[in-house]
């Protein structure tokens, strides 16, 4: 704001008036810089929140070891080894010897 600010003081003995001229303040930071800083801070905040959410989802979906009949010691657990062999075909090579 610009203009004159007038202050009047009176009592039974005297009175006094003071006038102060108000000048426009200069911007300490350009408004475009403030907008850029605010947008950058907002973008960084959004990226941080997205990273935290993705980390939480990844941690939640991680496979956990499964316990079978936990607490029931009467059931016997049997472990087996399973071996999968590939179907191997052997072909005889015929060679012509002369």
PDB file of N, CA and C in Angstrom:
ATOM      1  N   UNK A   1       0.844  -1.174   0.000  1.00  0.00           N
ATOM      2  CA  UNK A   1       0.000   0.000   0.000  1.00  0.00           C
ATOM      3  C   UNK A   1       0.889   1.237   0.000  1.00  0.00           C
ATOM      4  N   UNK A   2       0.400   2.254  -0.622  1.00  0.00           N
ATOM      5  CA  UNK A   2       1.128   3.523  -0.656  1.00  0.00           C
ATOM      6  C   UNK A   2       0.187   4.624  -0.194  1.00  0.00           C
ATOM      7  N   UNK A   3       0.756   5.733   0.242  1.00  0.00           N
ATOM      8  CA  UNK A   3      -0.059   6.863   0.676  1.00  0.00           C
ATOM      9  C   UNK A   3       0.472   7.471   1.961  1.00  0.00           C
ATOM     10  N   UNK A   4      -0.366   8.305   2.574  1.00  0.00           N
ATOM     11  CA  UNK A   4       0.007   8.972   3.819  1.00  0.00           C
ATOM     12  C   UNK A   4      -0.707   8.321   4.986  1.00  0.00           C
ATOM     13  N   UNK A   5       0.038   8.101   6.071  1.00  0.00           N
ATOM     14  CA  UNK A   5      -0.530   7.585   7.312  1.00  0.00           C
ATOM     15  C   UNK A   5      -0.469   8.725   8.320  1.00  0.00           C
ATOM     16  N   UNK A   6      -1.638   9.141   8.799  1.00  0.00           N
ATOM     17  CA  UNK A   6      -1.707  10.273   9.727  1.00  0.00           C
ATOM     18  C   UNK A   6      -2.102   9.765  11.095  1.00  0.00           C
ATOM     19  N   UNK A   7      -1.354  10.241  12.104  1.00  0.00           N
ATOM     20  CA  UNK A   7      -1.646   9.858  13.480  1.00  0.00           C
ATOM     21  C   UNK A   7      -1.872  11.139  14.280  1.00  0.00           C
ATOM     22  N   UNK A   8      -3.060  11.273  14.885  1.00  0.00           N
ATOM     23  CA  UNK A   8      -3.396  12.438  15.718  1.00  0.00           C
ATOM     24  C   UNK A   8      -3.496  12.012  17.171  1.00  0.00           C
ATOM     25  N   UNK A   9      -2.818  12.768  18.037  1.00  0.00           N
ATOM     26  CA  UNK A   9      -2.883  12.493  19.472  1.00  0.00           C
ATOM     27  C   UNK A   9      -3.293  13.793  20.173  1.00  0.00           C
ATOM     28  N   UNK A  10      -4.314  13.691  21.026  1.00  0.00           N
ATOM     29  CA  UNK A  10      -4.793  14.888  21.759  1.00  0.00           C
ATOM     30  C   UNK A  10      -5.067  14.531  23.205  1.00  0.00           C
ATOM     31  N   UNK A  11      -4.811  15.457  24.055  1.00  0.00           N
ATOM     32  CA  UNK A  11      -5.226  15.357  25.446  1.00  0.00           C
ATOM     33  C   UNK A  11      -5.629  16.749  25.927  1.00  0.00           C
ATOM     34  N   UNK A  12      -5.870  16.954  27.224  1.00  0.00           N
ATOM     35  CA  UNK A  12      -6.323  18.247  27.736  1.00  0.00           C
ATOM     36  C   UNK A  12      -5.233  19.309  27.668  1.00  0.00           C
ATOM     37  N   UNK A  13      -3.977  18.903  27.549  1.00  0.00           N
ATOM     38  CA  UNK A  13      -2.877  19.860  27.577  1.00  0.00           C
ATOM     39  C   UNK A  13      -2.400  20.216  26.175  1.00  0.00           C
ATOM     40  N   UNK A  14      -2.268  19.203  25.289  1.00  0.00           N
ATOM     41  CA  UNK A  14      -1.702  19.479  23.967  1.00  0.00           C
ATOM     42  C   UNK A  14      -2.246  18.483  22.941  1.00  0.00           C
ATOM     43  N   UNK A  15      -1.807  18.699  21.711  1.00  0.00           N
ATOM     44  CA  UNK A  15      -2.130  17.769  20.625  1.00  0.00           C
ATOM     45  C   UNK A  15      -0.923  17.688  19.691  1.00  0.00           C
ATOM     46  N   UNK A  16      -0.844  16.565  18.991  1.00  0.00           N
ATOM     47  CA  UNK A  16       0.285  16.385  18.077  1.00  0.00           C
ATOM     48  C   UNK A  16      -0.204  15.557  16.885  1.00  0.00           C
ATOM     49  N   UNK A  17       0.315  15.876  15.712  1.00  0.00           N
ATOM     50  CA  UNK A  17      -0.043  15.141  14.510  1.00  0.00           C
ATOM     51  C   UNK A  17       1.242  14.737  13.790  1.00  0.00           C
ATOM     52  N   UNK A  18       1.294  13.483  13.362  1.00  0.00           N
ATOM     53  CA  UNK A  18       2.444  12.970  12.619  1.00  0.00           C
ATOM     54  C   UNK A  18       1.931  12.339  11.330  1.00  0.00           C
ATOM     55  N   UNK A  19       2.603  12.648  10.235  1.00  0.00           N
ATOM     56  CA  UNK A  19       2.242  12.096   8.931  1.00  0.00           C
ATOM     57  C   UNK A  19       3.435  11.283   8.425  1.00  0.00           C
ATOM     58  N   UNK A  20       3.169  10.037   8.079  1.00  0.00           N
ATOM     59  CA  UNK A  20       4.209   9.163   7.544  1.00  0.00           C
ATOM     60  C   UNK A  20       3.835   8.825   6.108  1.00  0.00           C
ATOM     61  N   UNK A  21       4.794   8.997   5.199  1.00  0.00           N
ATOM     62  CA  UNK A  21       4.563   8.661   3.790  1.00  0.00           C
ATOM     63  C   UNK A  21       4.902   7.180   3.601  1.00  0.00           C
ATOM     64  N   UNK A  22       3.936   6.400   3.133  1.00  0.00           N
ATOM     65  CA  UNK A  22       4.137   4.969   2.878  1.00  0.00           C
ATOM     66  C   UNK A  22       4.542   4.771   1.428  1.00  0.00           C
ATOM     67  N   UNK A  23       5.653   4.046   1.244  1.00  0.00           N
ATOM     68  CA  UNK A  23       6.137   3.748  -0.098  1.00  0.00           C
ATOM     69  C   UNK A  23       5.927   2.265  -0.376  1.00  0.00           C
ATOM     70  N   UNK A  24       5.855   1.956  -1.640  1.00  0.00           N
ATOM     71  CA  UNK A  24       5.665   0.564  -2.048  1.00  0.00           C
ATOM     72  C   UNK A  24       6.928  -0.229  -1.712  1.00  0.00           C
ATOM     73  N   UNK A  25       6.731  -1.415  -1.100  1.00  0.00           N
ATOM     74  CA  UNK A  25       7.861  -2.290  -0.772  1.00  0.00           C
ATOM     75  C   UNK A  25       8.327  -3.008  -2.028  1.00  0.00           C
ATOM     76  N   UNK A  26       9.634  -3.202  -2.120  1.00  0.00           N
ATOM     77  CA  UNK A  26      10.176  -3.972  -3.228  1.00  0.00           C
ATOM     78  C   UNK A  26      10.094  -5.444  -2.861  1.00  0.00           C
ATOM     79  N   UNK A  27       9.829  -6.281  -3.866  1.00  0.00           N
ATOM     80  CA  UNK A  27       9.783  -7.726  -3.631  1.00  0.00           C
ATOM     81  C   UNK A  27      11.191  -8.215  -3.331  1.00  0.00           C
ATOM     82  N   UNK A  28      11.331  -8.947  -2.232  1.00  0.00           N
ATOM     83  CA  UNK A  28      12.636  -9.502  -1.915  1.00  0.00           C
ATOM     84  C   UNK A  28      12.934 -10.706  -2.811  1.00  0.00           C
ATOM     85  N   UNK A  29      11.887 -11.419  -3.230  1.00  0.00           N
ATOM     86  CA  UNK A  29      12.022 -12.525  -4.181  1.00  0.00           C
ATOM     87  C   UNK A  29      11.039 -12.292  -5.310  1.00  0.00           C
ATOM     88  N   UNK A  30      11.471 -12.510  -6.514  1.00  0.00           N
ATOM     89  CA  UNK A  30      10.507 -12.397  -7.620  1.00  0.00           C
ATOM     90  C   UNK A  30       9.406 -13.446  -7.457  1.00  0.00           C
ATOM     91  N   UNK A  31       8.201 -13.081  -7.825  1.00  0.00           N
ATOM     92  CA  UNK A  31       7.074 -14.002  -7.641  1.00  0.00           C
ATOM     93  C   UNK A  31       7.241 -15.258  -8.491  1.00  0.00           C
ATOM     94  N   UNK A  32       7.886 -15.161  -9.656  1.00  0.00           N
ATOM     95  CA  UNK A  32       8.089 -16.352 -10.473  1.00  0.00           C
ATOM     96  C   UNK A  32       9.023 -17.334  -9.780  1.00  0.00           C
ATOM     97  N   UNK A  33      10.015 -16.838  -9.040  1.00  0.00           N
ATOM     98  CA  UNK A  33      10.912 -17.716  -8.293  1.00  0.00           C
ATOM     99  C   UNK A  33      10.157 -18.420  -7.170  1.00  0.00           C
ATOM    100  N   UNK A  34       9.273 -17.692  -6.504  1.00  0.00           N
ATOM    101  CA  UNK A  34       8.498 -18.298  -5.418  1.00  0.00           C
ATOM    102  C   UNK A  34       7.571 -19.385  -5.961  1.00  0.00           C
ATOM    103  N   UNK A  35       6.977 -19.165  -7.119  1.00  0.00           N
ATOM    104  CA  UNK A  35       6.109 -20.171  -7.736  1.00  0.00           C
ATOM    105  C   UNK A  35       6.928 -21.395  -8.124  1.00  0.00           C
ATOM    106  N   UNK A  36       8.112 -21.187  -8.669  1.00  0.00           N
ATOM    107  CA  UNK A  36       8.982 -22.295  -9.058  1.00  0.00           C
ATOM    108  C   UNK A  36       9.396 -23.117  -7.850  1.00  0.00           C
ATOM    109  N   UNK A  37       9.773 -22.461  -6.774  1.00  0.00           N
ATOM    110  CA  UNK A  37      10.174 -23.166  -5.555  1.00  0.00           C
ATOM    111  C   UNK A  37       9.000 -23.948  -4.977  1.00  0.00           C
ATOM    112  N   UNK A  38       7.819 -23.344  -4.941  1.00  0.00           N
ATOM    113  CA  UNK A  38       6.640 -24.026  -4.404  1.00  0.00           C
ATOM    114  C   UNK A  38       6.264 -25.231  -5.269  1.00  0.00           C
ATOM    115  N   UNK A  39       6.339 -25.102  -6.587  1.00  0.00           N
ATOM    116  CA  UNK A  39       6.008 -26.220  -7.478  1.00  0.00           C
ATOM    117  C   UNK A  39       7.020 -27.348  -7.327  1.00  0.00           C
ATOM    118  N   UNK A  40       8.292 -27.005  -7.205  1.00  0.00           N
ATOM    119  CA  UNK A  40       9.325 -28.027  -7.028  1.00  0.00           C
ATOM    120  C   UNK A  40       9.138 -28.765  -5.713  1.00  0.00           C
ATOM    121  N   UNK A  41       8.874 -28.026  -4.644  1.00  0.00           N
ATOM    122  CA  UNK A  41       8.653 -28.666  -3.344  1.00  0.00           C
ATOM    123  C   UNK A  41       7.420 -29.563  -3.386  1.00  0.00           C
ATOM    124  N   UNK A  42       6.378 -29.132  -4.046  1.00  0.00           N
ATOM    125  CA  UNK A  42       5.179 -29.961  -4.184  1.00  0.00           C
ATOM    126  C   UNK A  42       5.457 -31.223  -4.981  1.00  0.00           C
ATOM    127  N   UNK A  43       6.209 -31.096  -6.064  1.00  0.00           N
ATOM    128  CA  UNK A  43       6.550 -32.260  -6.882  1.00  0.00           C
ATOM    129  C   UNK A  43       7.404 -33.267  -6.125  1.00  0.00           C
ATOM    130  N   UNK A  44       8.378 -32.777  -5.378  1.00  0.00           N
ATOM    131  CA  UNK A  44       9.227 -33.668  -4.580  1.00  0.00           C
ATOM    132  C   UNK A  44       8.393 -34.374  -3.512  1.00  0.00           C
ATOM    133  N   UNK A  45       7.474 -33.665  -2.904  1.00  0.00           N
ATOM    134  CA  UNK A  45       6.615 -34.267  -1.882  1.00  0.00           C
ATOM    135  C   UNK A  45       5.747 -35.369  -2.484  1.00  0.00           C
ATOM    136  N   UNK A  46       5.179 -35.126  -3.645  1.00  0.00           N
ATOM    137  CA  UNK A  46       4.343 -36.136  -4.302  1.00  0.00           C
ATOM    138  C   UNK A  46       5.172 -37.368  -4.658  1.00  0.00           C
ATOM    139  N   UNK A  47       6.375 -37.169  -5.205  1.00  0.00           N
ATOM    140  CA  UNK A  47       7.235 -38.300  -5.552  1.00  0.00           C
ATOM    141  C   UNK A  47       7.628 -39.105  -4.315  1.00  0.00           C
ATOM    142  N   UNK A  48       7.896 -38.424  -3.218  1.00  0.00           N
ATOM    143  CA  UNK A  48       8.241 -39.113  -1.975  1.00  0.00           C
ATOM    144  C   UNK A  48       7.066 -39.947  -1.473  1.00  0.00           C
ATOM    145  N   UNK A  49       5.872 -39.399  -1.527  1.00  0.00           N
ATOM    146  CA  UNK A  49       4.693 -40.148  -1.080  1.00  0.00           C
ATOM    147  C   UNK A  49       4.428 -41.355  -1.973  1.00  0.00           C
ATOM    148  N   UNK A  50       4.611 -41.207  -3.281  1.00  0.00           N
ATOM    149  CA  UNK A  50       4.424 -42.336  -4.198  1.00  0.00           C
ATOM    150  C   UNK A  50       5.446 -43.424  -3.909  1.00  0.00           C
ATOM    151  N   UNK A  51       6.714 -43.036  -3.674  1.00  0.00           N
ATOM    152  CA  UNK A  51       7.755 -44.021  -3.366  1.00  0.00           C
ATOM    153  C   UNK A  51       7.451 -44.751  -2.065  1.00  0.00           C
ATOM    154  N   UNK A  52       6.983 -44.027  -1.063  1.00  0.00           N
ATOM    155  CA  UNK A  52       6.631 -44.669   0.204  1.00  0.00           C
ATOM    156  C   UNK A  52       5.464 -45.641   0.035  1.00  0.00           C
ATOM    157  N   UNK A  53       4.467 -45.266  -0.745  1.00  0.00           N
ATOM    158  CA  UNK A  53       3.324 -46.157  -0.979  1.00  0.00           C
ATOM    159  C   UNK A  53       3.752 -47.413  -1.728  1.00  0.00           C
ATOM    160  N   UNK A  54       4.582 -47.259  -2.755  1.00  0.00           N
ATOM    161  CA  UNK A  54       5.053 -48.423  -3.507  1.00  0.00           C
ATOM    162  C   UNK A  54       5.904 -49.337  -2.630  1.00  0.00           C
ATOM    163  N   UNK A  55       6.726 -48.768  -1.769  1.00  0.00           N
ATOM    164  CA  UNK A  55       7.511 -49.579  -0.846  1.00  0.00           C
ATOM    165  C   UNK A  55       6.635 -50.343   0.123  1.00  0.00           C
ATOM    166  N   UNK A  56       5.594 -49.699   0.618  1.00  0.00           N
ATOM    167  CA  UNK A  56       4.664 -50.348   1.542  1.00  0.00           C
ATOM    168  C   UNK A  56       3.935 -51.497   0.841  1.00  0.00           C
ATOM    169  N   UNK A  57       3.486 -51.270  -0.398  1.00  0.00           N
ATOM    170  CA  UNK A  57       2.794 -52.315  -1.153  1.00  0.00           C
ATOM    171  C   UNK A  57       3.739 -53.483  -1.424  1.00  0.00           C
ATOM    172  N   UNK A  58       4.980 -53.184  -1.811  1.00  0.00           N
ATOM    173  CA  UNK A  58       5.955 -54.232  -2.092  1.00  0.00           C
ATOM    174  C   UNK A  58       6.254 -55.035  -0.827  1.00  0.00           C
ATOM    175  N   UNK A  59       6.384 -54.352   0.288  1.00  0.00           N
ATOM    176  CA  UNK A  59       6.651 -55.051   1.551  1.00  0.00           C
ATOM    177  C   UNK A  59       5.466 -55.931   1.958  1.00  0.00           C
ATOM    178  N   UNK A  60       4.265 -55.449   1.716  1.00  0.00           N
ATOM    179  CA  UNK A  60       3.061 -56.197   2.086  1.00  0.00           C
ATOM    180  C   UNK A  60       2.883 -57.432   1.200  1.00  0.00           C
ATOM    181  N   UNK A  61       3.234 -57.326  -0.082  1.00  0.00           N
ATOM    182  CA  UNK A  61       3.033 -58.429  -1.018  1.00  0.00           C
ATOM    183  C   UNK A  61       4.179 -59.439  -1.020  1.00  0.00           C
ATOM    184  N   UNK A  62       5.221 -59.196  -0.258  1.00  0.00           N
ATOM    185  CA  UNK A  62       6.360 -60.109  -0.226  1.00  0.00           C
ATOM    186  C   UNK A  62       5.923 -61.457   0.323  1.00  0.00           C
ATOM    187  N   UNK A  63       6.421 -62.541  -0.292  1.00  0.00           N
ATOM    188  CA  UNK A  63       6.002 -63.874   0.149  1.00  0.00           C
ATOM    189  C   UNK A  63       6.571 -64.163   1.530  1.00  0.00           C
ATOM    190  N   UNK A  64       5.774 -64.794   2.326  1.00  0.00           N
ATOM    191  CA  UNK A  64       6.152 -65.131   3.694  1.00  0.00           C
ATOM    192  C   UNK A  64       6.197 -66.646   3.824  1.00  0.00           C
ATOM    193  N   UNK A  65       7.072 -67.159   4.671  1.00  0.00           N
ATOM    194  CA  UNK A  65       7.093 -68.612   4.856  1.00  0.00           C
ATOM    195  C   UNK A  65       5.767 -69.092   5.445  1.00  0.00           C
ATOM    196  N   UNK A  66       5.288 -70.221   4.923  1.00  0.00           N
ATOM    197  CA  UNK A  66       4.008 -70.753   5.364  1.00  0.00           C
ATOM    198  C   UNK A  66       4.244 -71.818   6.428  1.00  0.00           C
ATOM    199  N   UNK A  67       3.527 -71.733   7.503  1.00  0.00           N
ATOM    200  CA  UNK A  67       3.603 -72.764   8.536  1.00  0.00           C
ATOM    201  C   UNK A  67       2.397 -73.670   8.381  1.00  0.00           C
ATOM    202  N   UNK A  68       2.649 -74.957   8.427  1.00  0.00           N
ATOM    203  CA  UNK A  68       1.584 -75.946   8.271  1.00  0.00           C
ATOM    204  C   UNK A  68       1.236 -76.459   9.648  1.00  0.00           C
ATOM    205  N   UNK A  69      -0.036 -76.336  10.014  1.00  0.00           N
ATOM    206  CA  UNK A  69      -0.538 -76.830  11.296  1.00  0.00           C
ATOM    207  C   UNK A  69       0.322 -76.343  12.459  1.00  0.00           C
ATOM    208  N   UNK A  70       0.545 -75.071  12.495  1.00  0.00           N
ATOM    209  CA  UNK A  70       1.359 -74.478  13.558  1.00  0.00           C
ATOM    210  C   UNK A  70       0.694 -74.707  14.908  1.00  0.00           C
ATOM    211  N   UNK A  71       1.407 -75.236  15.843  1.00  0.00           N
ATOM    212  CA  UNK A  71       0.883 -75.473  17.184  1.00  0.00           C
ATOM    213  C   UNK A  71       0.273 -76.849  17.357  1.00  0.00           C
ATOM    214  N   UNK A  72       0.134 -77.629  16.296  1.00  0.00           N
ATOM    215  CA  UNK A  72      -0.441 -78.956  16.398  1.00  0.00           C
ATOM    216  C   UNK A  72       0.692 -79.968  16.235  1.00  0.00           C
ATOM    217  N   UNK A  73       1.244 -80.442  17.348  1.00  0.00           N
ATOM    218  CA  UNK A  73       2.405 -81.329  17.308  1.00  0.00           C
ATOM    219  C   UNK A  73       2.017 -82.778  17.058  1.00  0.00           C
ATOM    220  N   UNK A  74       0.739 -83.105  16.986  1.00  0.00           N
ATOM    221  CA  UNK A  74       0.307 -84.487  16.783  1.00  0.00           C
ATOM    222  C   UNK A  74       0.407 -84.915  15.325  1.00  0.00           C
ATOM    223  N   UNK A  75       0.453 -83.980  14.415  1.00  0.00           N
ATOM    224  CA  UNK A  75       0.493 -84.301  12.993  1.00  0.00           C
ATOM    225  C   UNK A  75       1.949 -84.398  12.564  1.00  0.00           C
ATOM    226  N   UNK A  76       2.291 -85.514  11.899  1.00  0.00           N
ATOM    227  CA  UNK A  76       3.655 -85.733  11.435  1.00  0.00           C
ATOM    228  C   UNK A  76       3.819 -85.098  10.063  1.00  0.00           C
ATOM    229  N   UNK A  77       4.907 -84.378   9.882  1.00  0.00           N
ATOM    230  CA  UNK A  77       5.185 -83.736   8.609  1.00  0.00           C
ATOM    231  C   UNK A  77       6.171 -84.604   7.868  1.00  0.00           C
ATOM    232  N   UNK A  78       5.880 -84.892   6.606  1.00  0.00           N
ATOM    233  CA  UNK A  78       6.736 -85.722   5.775  1.00  0.00           C
ATOM    234  C   UNK A  78       7.327 -84.842   4.690  1.00  0.00           C
ATOM    235  N   UNK A  79       8.650 -84.856   4.583  1.00  0.00           N
ATOM    236  CA  UNK A  79       9.346 -84.077   3.577  1.00  0.00           C
ATOM    237  C   UNK A  79       9.751 -85.009   2.437  1.00  0.00           C
ATOM    238  N   UNK A  80       9.625 -84.555   1.216  1.00  0.00           N
ATOM    239  CA  UNK A  80      10.022 -85.361   0.067  1.00  0.00           C
ATOM    240  C   UNK A  80      10.868 -84.517  -0.865  1.00  0.00           C
ATOM    241  N   UNK A  81      11.690 -85.184  -1.634  1.00  0.00           N
ATOM    242  CA  UNK A  81      12.465 -84.518  -2.666  1.00  0.00           C
ATOM    243  C   UNK A  81      11.861 -84.884  -4.016  1.00  0.00           C
ATOM    244  N   UNK A  82      11.586 -83.908  -4.824  1.00  0.00           N
ATOM    245  CA  UNK A  82      11.019 -84.132  -6.144  1.00  0.00           C
ATOM    246  C   UNK A  82      12.055 -83.687  -7.161  1.00  0.00           C
ATOM    247  N   UNK A  83      12.363 -84.567  -8.089  1.00  0.00           N
ATOM    248  CA  UNK A  83      13.331 -84.257  -9.132  1.00  0.00           C
ATOM    249  C   UNK A  83      12.602 -84.331 -10.464  1.00  0.00           C
ATOM    250  N   UNK A  84      12.675 -83.289 -11.242  1.00  0.00           N
ATOM    251  CA  UNK A  84      12.057 -83.240 -12.557  1.00  0.00           C
ATOM    252  C   UNK A  84      13.165 -83.396 -13.582  1.00  0.00           C
ATOM    253  N   UNK A  85      13.030 -84.430 -14.377  1.00  0.00           N
ATOM    254  CA  UNK A  85      14.036 -84.679 -15.399  1.00  0.00           C
ATOM    255  C   UNK A  85      13.460 -84.304 -16.745  1.00  0.00           C
ATOM    256  N   UNK A  86      14.286 -83.728 -17.562  1.00  0.00           N
ATOM    257  CA  UNK A  86      13.856 -83.332 -18.887  1.00  0.00           C
ATOM    258  C   UNK A  86      13.728 -84.559 -19.772  1.00  0.00           C
ATOM    259  N   UNK A  87      12.812 -84.511 -20.718  1.00  0.00           N
ATOM    260  CA  UNK A  87      12.614 -85.606 -21.656  1.00  0.00           C
ATOM    261  C   UNK A  87      13.764 -85.565 -22.653  1.00  0.00           C
ATOM    262  N   UNK A  88      14.683 -86.506 -22.528  1.00  0.00           N
ATOM    263  CA  UNK A  88      15.874 -86.519 -23.370  1.00  0.00           C
ATOM    264  C   UNK A  88      15.705 -87.581 -24.437  1.00  0.00           C
ATOM    265  N   UNK A  89      15.819 -87.213 -25.656  1.00  0.00           N
ATOM    266  CA  UNK A  89      15.727 -88.151 -26.774  1.00  0.00           C
ATOM    267  C   UNK A  89      17.130 -88.382 -27.313  1.00  0.00           C
ATOM    268  N   UNK A  90      17.410 -89.597 -27.535  1.00  0.00           N
ATOM    269  CA  UNK A  90      18.708 -89.909 -28.126  1.00  0.00           C
ATOM    270  C   UNK A  90      18.467 -90.391 -29.549  1.00  0.00           C
ATOM    271  N   UNK A  91      19.234 -89.936 -30.423  1.00  0.00           N
ATOM    272  CA  UNK A  91      19.113 -90.374 -31.813  1.00  0.00           C
ATOM    273  C   UNK A  91      20.441 -90.987 -32.224  1.00  0.00           C
ATOM    274  N   UNK A  92      20.357 -92.045 -32.985  1.00  0.00           N
ATOM    275  CA  UNK A  92      21.579 -92.692 -33.425  1.00  0.00           C
ATOM    276  C   UNK A  92      22.049 -92.026 -34.703  1.00  0.00           C
ATOM    277  N   UNK A  93      23.304 -91.752 -34.725  1.00  0.00           N
ATOM    278  CA  UNK A  93      23.886 -91.137 -35.891  1.00  0.00           C
ATOM    279  C   UNK A  93      24.378 -92.217 -36.829  1.00  0.00           C
ATOM    280  N   UNK A  94      23.978 -92.139 -38.022  1.00  0.00           N
ATOM    281  CA  UNK A  94      24.451 -93.116 -39.013  1.00  0.00           C
ATOM    282  C   UNK A  94      25.592 -92.492 -39.772  1.00  0.00           C
ATOM    283  N   UNK A  95      26.662 -93.161 -39.778  1.00  0.00           N
ATOM    284  CA  UNK A  95      27.809 -92.630 -40.502  1.00  0.00           C
ATOM    285  C   UNK A  95      28.150 -93.565 -41.645  1.00  0.00           C
ATOM    286  N   UNK A  96      28.487 -93.014 -42.696  1.00  0.00           N
ATOM    287  CA  UNK A  96      28.873 -93.799 -43.860  1.00  0.00           C
ATOM    288  C   UNK A  96      30.403 -93.808 -43.917  1.00  0.00           C
ATOM    289  N   UNK A  97      30.909 -94.974 -43.823  1.00  0.00           N
ATOM    290  CA  UNK A  97      32.364 -95.071 -43.896  1.00  0.00           C
ATOM    291  C   UNK A  97      32.734 -95.712 -45.229  1.00  0.00           C
ATOM    292  N   UNK A  98      33.656 -95.167 -45.880  1.00  0.00           N
ATOM    293  CA  UNK A  98      34.077 -95.676 -47.194  1.00  0.00           C
ATOM    294  C   UNK A  98      35.520 -96.008 -47.183  1.00  0.00           C
TER     295      UNK A  98
END
